[in-house]
Amino acid sequence: MLLRLFKYLLTWCGVGVSKARYEWINSGAFLASQEWIDLRYRVLRESDGRCCLCGRGAIDGAKLNVDHIKPRRTHPGLAAARSNLQVLCNLCNRGKGNRPDDWRRSRRR
């Protein structure tokens, strides 16, 4: 249990992420990778295609983004972690900016 917690904390802080992986995560290559595409698709399906904050979806004309709650640049170990992702529409994502706001608990439908 303690070892698992320690490994989680190392991942959360980005410790143990090589310089090459850090640079890849923060490049456009990560967003074009099959790993990201598969994860993004899974997250969109789990959210029923709706924004976690305002509840709008593609049916309402909203363009949806899979947002990193904690930014890839400062938390590279969480770049591909499901627990660090949420679905936001363009408007809500722009409003959030680079703040680590987690809106998943306040879903409105």
Protein backbone atom coordinates (compact mmCIF):
# COMPACT_ATOMS: atom_id res chain seq x y z
CA MET A 1 0.00 0.00 0.00
CA LEU A 2 2.72 2.44 1.00
CA LEU A 3 4.81 1.51 -2.03
CA ARG A 4 1.83 2.13 -4.34
CA LEU A 5 1.29 5.54 -2.75
CA PHE A 6 4.97 6.39 -3.18
CA LYS A 7 4.89 5.38 -6.88
CA TYR A 8 1.74 7.49 -7.38
CA LEU A 9 3.40 10.54 -5.81
CA LEU A 10 6.48 10.12 -8.01
CA THR A 11 4.25 9.95 -11.09
CA TRP A 12 2.18 12.93 -9.95
CA CYS A 13 5.29 15.07 -9.53
CA GLY A 14 6.74 13.97 -12.84
CA VAL A 15 9.75 12.44 -11.12
CA GLY A 16 11.07 9.55 -13.15
CA VAL A 17 9.93 11.02 -16.46
CA SER A 18 12.93 11.11 -18.77
CA LYS A 19 13.87 14.34 -20.51
CA ALA A 20 13.00 12.82 -23.88
CA ARG A 21 9.53 11.72 -22.68
CA TYR A 22 8.95 15.12 -21.07
CA GLU A 23 9.73 16.85 -24.37
CA TRP A 24 7.52 14.38 -26.30
CA ILE A 25 4.60 14.88 -23.87
CA ASN A 26 4.81 18.65 -24.32
CA SER A 27 4.99 18.48 -28.11
CA GLY A 28 2.35 18.11 -30.76
CA ALA A 29 3.59 14.54 -31.30
CA PHE A 30 1.94 13.44 -28.03
CA LEU A 31 -1.43 14.81 -29.13
CA ALA A 32 -1.07 12.99 -32.46
CA SER A 33 -0.05 9.68 -30.84
CA GLN A 34 -2.29 6.62 -30.87
CA GLU A 35 -1.99 6.48 -27.07
CA TRP A 36 -3.58 9.94 -26.75
CA ILE A 37 -6.17 9.36 -29.49
CA ASP A 38 -7.40 6.14 -27.82
CA LEU A 39 -7.51 7.72 -24.36
CA ARG A 40 -9.26 10.86 -25.68
CA TYR A 41 -11.92 8.74 -27.37
CA ARG A 42 -12.51 6.74 -24.17
CA VAL A 43 -12.86 9.92 -22.08
CA LEU A 44 -15.32 11.46 -24.56
CA ARG A 45 -17.44 8.28 -24.53
CA GLU A 46 -17.46 8.14 -20.71
CA SER A 47 -18.68 11.75 -20.53
CA ASP A 48 -21.61 11.04 -22.87
CA GLY A 49 -20.20 13.75 -25.14
CA ARG A 50 -21.05 16.56 -22.74
CA CYS A 51 -19.07 19.35 -21.07
CA CYS A 52 -18.46 18.63 -17.37
CA LEU A 53 -19.15 22.27 -16.47
CA CYS A 54 -22.07 23.54 -18.57
CA GLY A 55 -23.47 20.24 -19.86
CA ARG A 56 -23.47 21.30 -23.52
CA GLY A 57 -22.57 18.75 -26.17
CA ALA A 58 -22.03 18.42 -29.90
CA ILE A 59 -25.81 18.23 -30.33
CA ASP A 60 -25.95 21.80 -28.93
CA GLY A 61 -23.22 22.96 -31.30
CA ALA A 62 -20.43 22.84 -28.72
CA LYS A 63 -16.93 21.78 -29.74
CA LEU A 64 -15.59 19.49 -27.01
CA ASN A 65 -12.03 19.30 -25.69
CA VAL A 66 -10.41 16.69 -23.47
CA ASP A 67 -8.71 18.91 -20.91
CA HIS A 68 -5.75 18.11 -18.66
CA ILE A 69 -6.79 19.25 -15.18
CA LYS A 70 -3.15 19.56 -14.15
CA PRO A 71 -1.15 20.82 -17.15
CA ARG A 72 1.14 18.47 -19.08
CA ARG A 73 4.02 20.90 -18.75
CA THR A 74 4.03 20.88 -14.94
CA HIS A 75 2.72 17.34 -14.41
CA PRO A 76 4.14 15.21 -17.26
CA GLY A 77 3.55 12.01 -15.30
CA LEU A 78 -0.21 12.67 -15.52
CA ALA A 79 -0.36 13.42 -19.25
CA ALA A 80 -1.94 10.06 -20.08
CA ALA A 81 -3.67 9.45 -16.73
CA ARG A 82 -7.46 9.14 -16.97
CA SER A 83 -7.74 10.67 -13.49
CA ASN A 84 -6.28 13.94 -14.83
CA LEU A 85 -8.70 14.38 -17.73
CA GLN A 86 -12.10 16.04 -18.08
CA VAL A 87 -14.30 17.03 -21.01
CA LEU A 88 -14.94 20.74 -21.46
CA CYS A 89 -16.50 22.69 -24.30
CA ASN A 90 -14.41 25.37 -26.01
CA LEU A 91 -15.96 28.20 -24.00
CA CYS A 92 -15.50 26.52 -20.60
CA ASN A 93 -11.98 25.39 -21.49
CA ARG A 94 -10.98 28.94 -22.46
CA GLY A 95 -12.45 30.23 -19.21
CA LYS A 96 -10.52 27.66 -17.21
CA GLY A 97 -7.22 28.61 -18.83
CA ASN A 98 -4.22 26.95 -17.21
CA ARG A 99 -5.76 26.72 -13.72
CA PRO A 100 -6.06 23.21 -12.26
CA ASP A 101 -9.85 23.42 -11.83
CA ASP A 102 -11.58 20.03 -11.65
CA TRP A 103 -15.19 20.34 -12.81
CA ARG A 104 -15.99 16.62 -12.96
CA ARG A 105 -17.82 16.66 -9.62
CA SER A 106 -20.16 19.48 -10.65
CA ARG A 107 -21.61 17.88 -13.77
CA ARG A 108 -24.88 19.48 -14.83
CA ARG A 109 -27.36 17.88 -17.20
